[in-house]
Amino acid sequence: MPAPARVLVSACLLGEAVRWDGSHKRLDAAVLRQWQAEGRIVGFCPECAAGLPVPRPAAEIEAGADAAAVLAGRARVVTRDGTDLSAAFVAGAEAAWQAARDAGAVAALLKDASPSCGSRCVHDGRFAGATVPGRGVAAARLAAAGLVVFAETEIEAAQRWLQAHDADSAAPDS
């Protein structure tokens, strides 16, 4: 029987204090503990992997732009004072993809609303706390590479998807 599929998980969801403000967003979920016990988890923070410090200024994808535009060099990720952090966010996205690929991850569970990890929404680029539908830069890169990307609020759906994936992987070829 093949090993269970691996999952790239935002490090902040694992309790690592890597967020922009030096905090974490530990996800206390039985599914996450099960994945840890099964050896599925690849913990990762794209922003830290890109060399951004903790803490660091908050950053958002420019208003009206999306992660695909950032990855293509047509939009930026900026701080409130306009500092362009796009290169770091793109580097972090590539590092996330490399970590997922090297570990054999097939899915990702990411912190929503993050300019890196948002999988369903991101902040709107106006630094006022509002969000808009969309993906962060790393989430978009991972999805483009074929990983199935879930927000932390979708952990039960991620578990169902992984169970189905594992069952399909274990089925004999016909």
Protein backbone atom coordinates (compact mmCIF):
# COMPACT_ATOMS: atom_id res chain seq x y z
CA MET A 1 0.00 0.00 0.00
CA PRO A 2 1.43 3.40 -0.94
CA ALA A 3 2.28 5.98 1.71
CA PRO A 4 -0.44 8.53 2.45
CA ALA A 5 -0.36 11.64 0.29
CA ARG A 6 1.57 14.61 1.65
CA VAL A 7 0.07 18.04 2.29
CA LEU A 8 1.87 21.39 2.34
CA VAL A 9 0.50 23.31 5.37
CA SER A 10 1.01 26.98 6.22
CA ALA A 11 3.51 27.04 9.09
CA CYS A 12 1.39 29.56 11.01
CA LEU A 13 -1.44 27.00 11.12
CA LEU A 14 0.99 24.61 12.82
CA GLY A 15 1.61 27.17 15.58
CA GLU A 16 4.83 28.65 14.24
CA ALA A 17 5.10 32.39 14.96
CA VAL A 18 5.89 33.38 11.37
CA ARG A 19 3.11 35.83 10.53
CA TRP A 20 3.83 39.44 9.63
CA ASP A 21 3.13 40.56 13.20
CA GLY A 22 5.11 37.74 14.83
CA SER A 23 2.02 35.73 15.74
CA HIS A 24 0.66 32.38 14.60
CA LYS A 25 -2.80 31.09 13.69
CA ARG A 26 -2.56 27.62 15.24
CA LEU A 27 -5.33 25.42 13.87
CA ASP A 28 -6.53 23.11 16.63
CA ALA A 29 -8.19 20.40 14.55
CA ALA A 30 -8.34 16.65 14.99
CA VAL A 31 -7.71 16.23 11.25
CA LEU A 32 -4.46 18.18 11.51
CA ARG A 33 -3.30 16.04 14.45
CA GLN A 34 -4.17 12.92 12.42
CA TRP A 35 -2.16 14.20 9.45
CA GLN A 36 0.79 14.87 11.75
CA ALA A 37 0.60 11.33 13.14
CA GLU A 38 0.44 9.93 9.60
CA GLY A 39 3.48 11.93 8.49
CA ARG A 40 1.51 13.81 5.83
CA ILE A 41 2.46 17.37 6.78
CA VAL A 42 5.06 19.53 5.09
CA GLY A 43 5.06 22.77 7.14
CA PHE A 44 6.06 25.84 5.17
CA CYS A 45 5.98 29.65 5.25
CA PRO A 46 6.61 31.18 1.81
CA GLU A 47 7.39 34.61 3.23
CA CYS A 48 10.00 33.30 5.65
CA ALA A 49 11.46 31.05 2.96
CA ALA A 50 11.94 34.17 0.84
CA GLY A 51 13.94 35.79 3.64
CA LEU A 52 11.34 38.25 4.92
CA PRO A 53 11.81 38.94 8.65
CA VAL A 54 9.42 38.26 11.52
CA PRO A 55 7.88 40.62 12.35
CA ARG A 56 7.62 42.51 9.07
CA PRO A 57 5.37 45.25 7.68
CA ALA A 58 1.97 44.04 6.50
CA ALA A 59 1.79 43.55 2.75
CA GLU A 60 -1.07 43.22 0.29
CA ILE A 61 -1.47 42.61 -3.42
CA GLU A 62 -2.16 45.95 -5.10
CA ALA A 63 -5.81 46.96 -5.25
CA GLY A 64 -7.47 45.60 -8.38
CA ALA A 65 -4.69 43.13 -9.12
CA ASP A 66 -4.38 39.40 -8.51
CA ALA A 67 -1.71 36.82 -7.78
CA ALA A 68 -1.45 35.73 -11.41
CA ALA A 69 -0.53 39.30 -12.34
CA VAL A 70 2.10 39.36 -9.57
CA LEU A 71 3.58 36.07 -10.80
CA ALA A 72 3.66 37.47 -14.35
CA GLY A 73 5.37 40.69 -13.22
CA ARG A 74 2.36 42.87 -14.07
CA ALA A 75 1.34 43.73 -10.48
CA ARG A 76 3.02 44.15 -7.11
CA VAL A 77 2.79 43.10 -3.49
CA VAL A 78 3.39 46.24 -1.43
CA THR A 79 3.50 47.46 2.15
CA ARG A 80 1.34 50.32 3.38
CA ASP A 81 4.17 52.78 2.62
CA GLY A 82 4.51 51.44 -0.94
CA THR A 83 7.61 49.28 -0.51
CA ASP A 84 7.57 46.68 -3.27
CA LEU A 85 7.95 43.15 -1.90
CA SER A 86 6.91 41.40 -5.10
CA ALA A 87 10.24 39.68 -5.70
CA ALA A 88 10.16 38.14 -2.22
CA PHE A 89 6.58 36.94 -2.63
CA VAL A 90 7.34 35.39 -6.02
CA ALA A 91 10.49 33.75 -4.59
CA GLY A 92 8.43 32.43 -1.66
CA ALA A 93 5.84 31.03 -4.04
CA GLU A 94 8.55 29.23 -6.03
CA ALA A 95 10.08 27.90 -2.80
CA ALA A 96 6.65 26.62 -1.72
CA TRP A 97 6.27 24.80 -5.02
CA GLN A 98 9.76 23.31 -4.74
CA ALA A 99 9.09 22.13 -1.17
CA ALA A 100 5.76 20.60 -2.20
CA ARG A 101 7.29 18.91 -5.24
CA ASP A 102 10.30 17.60 -3.32
CA ALA A 103 8.04 16.16 -0.60
CA GLY A 104 5.57 14.69 -3.08
CA ALA A 105 2.71 16.84 -1.78
CA VAL A 106 -0.51 16.68 -3.78
CA ALA A 107 -2.52 19.24 -1.81
CA ALA A 108 -2.05 22.33 0.34
CA LEU A 109 -3.87 23.66 3.41
CA LEU A 110 -3.17 27.38 3.55
CA LYS A 111 -4.04 30.41 5.70
CA ASP A 112 -6.75 32.32 3.92
CA ALA A 113 -6.56 36.11 3.37
CA SER A 114 -2.74 36.06 3.27
CA PRO A 115 -1.02 37.70 0.27
CA SER A 116 0.99 34.47 -0.01
CA CYS A 117 -1.34 31.74 1.19
CA GLY A 118 -4.86 33.03 0.65
CA SER A 119 -6.75 30.35 -1.23
CA ARG A 120 -10.26 31.78 -1.31
CA CYS A 121 -9.69 35.45 -0.42
CA VAL A 122 -6.97 38.06 0.04
CA HIS A 123 -6.94 41.55 1.50
CA ASP A 124 -8.11 44.13 -1.02
CA GLY A 125 -4.87 46.15 -1.28
CA ARG A 126 -6.19 49.15 0.64
CA PHE A 127 -4.92 48.11 4.12
CA ALA A 128 -8.37 48.59 5.65
CA GLY A 129 -9.04 44.96 6.64
CA ALA A 130 -11.45 44.17 3.80
CA THR A 131 -11.00 41.05 1.69
CA VAL A 132 -11.88 40.15 -1.88
CA PRO A 133 -12.15 36.76 -3.56
CA GLY A 134 -8.82 35.56 -4.87
CA ARG A 135 -5.61 33.70 -4.17
CA GLY A 136 -2.31 34.68 -2.67
CA VAL A 137 0.88 34.39 -4.70
CA ALA A 138 2.01 31.02 -3.30
CA ALA A 139 -1.50 29.57 -3.44
CA ALA A 140 -1.78 30.59 -7.09
CA ARG A 141 1.62 29.06 -7.89
CA LEU A 142 0.75 25.79 -6.16
CA ALA A 143 -2.63 25.58 -7.90
CA ALA A 144 -1.00 26.30 -11.27
CA ALA A 145 1.38 23.40 -10.60
CA GLY A 146 -1.56 21.06 -10.03
CA LEU A 147 -1.88 20.94 -6.26
CA VAL A 148 -5.39 21.06 -4.83
CA VAL A 149 -5.43 24.09 -2.52
CA PHE A 150 -7.70 24.39 0.52
CA ALA A 151 -8.23 27.19 3.04
CA GLU A 152 -7.94 26.31 6.73
CA THR A 153 -11.74 26.55 6.97
CA GLU A 154 -11.97 23.70 4.45
CA ILE A 155 -9.94 21.16 6.43
CA GLU A 156 -12.77 18.61 6.49
CA ALA A 157 -13.11 18.86 2.69
CA ALA A 158 -9.34 18.48 2.41
CA GLN A 159 -9.52 15.33 4.52
CA ARG A 160 -12.25 13.86 2.30
CA TRP A 161 -10.25 14.73 -0.81
CA LEU A 162 -7.09 13.11 0.61
CA GLN A 163 -8.97 9.95 1.60
CA ALA A 164 -10.35 9.66 -1.94
CA HIS A 165 -6.89 10.36 -3.40
CA ASP A 166 -5.30 7.69 -1.20
CA ALA A 167 -8.02 5.17 -2.13
CA ASP A 168 -7.50 5.89 -5.84
CA SER A 169 -3.71 5.56 -5.43
CA ALA A 170 -4.11 2.20 -3.68
CA ALA A 171 -6.50 0.77 -6.28
CA PRO A 172 -4.91 -1.77 -8.61
CA ASP A 173 -4.55 -0.66 -12.20
CA SER A 174 -7.20 -2.13 -14.43
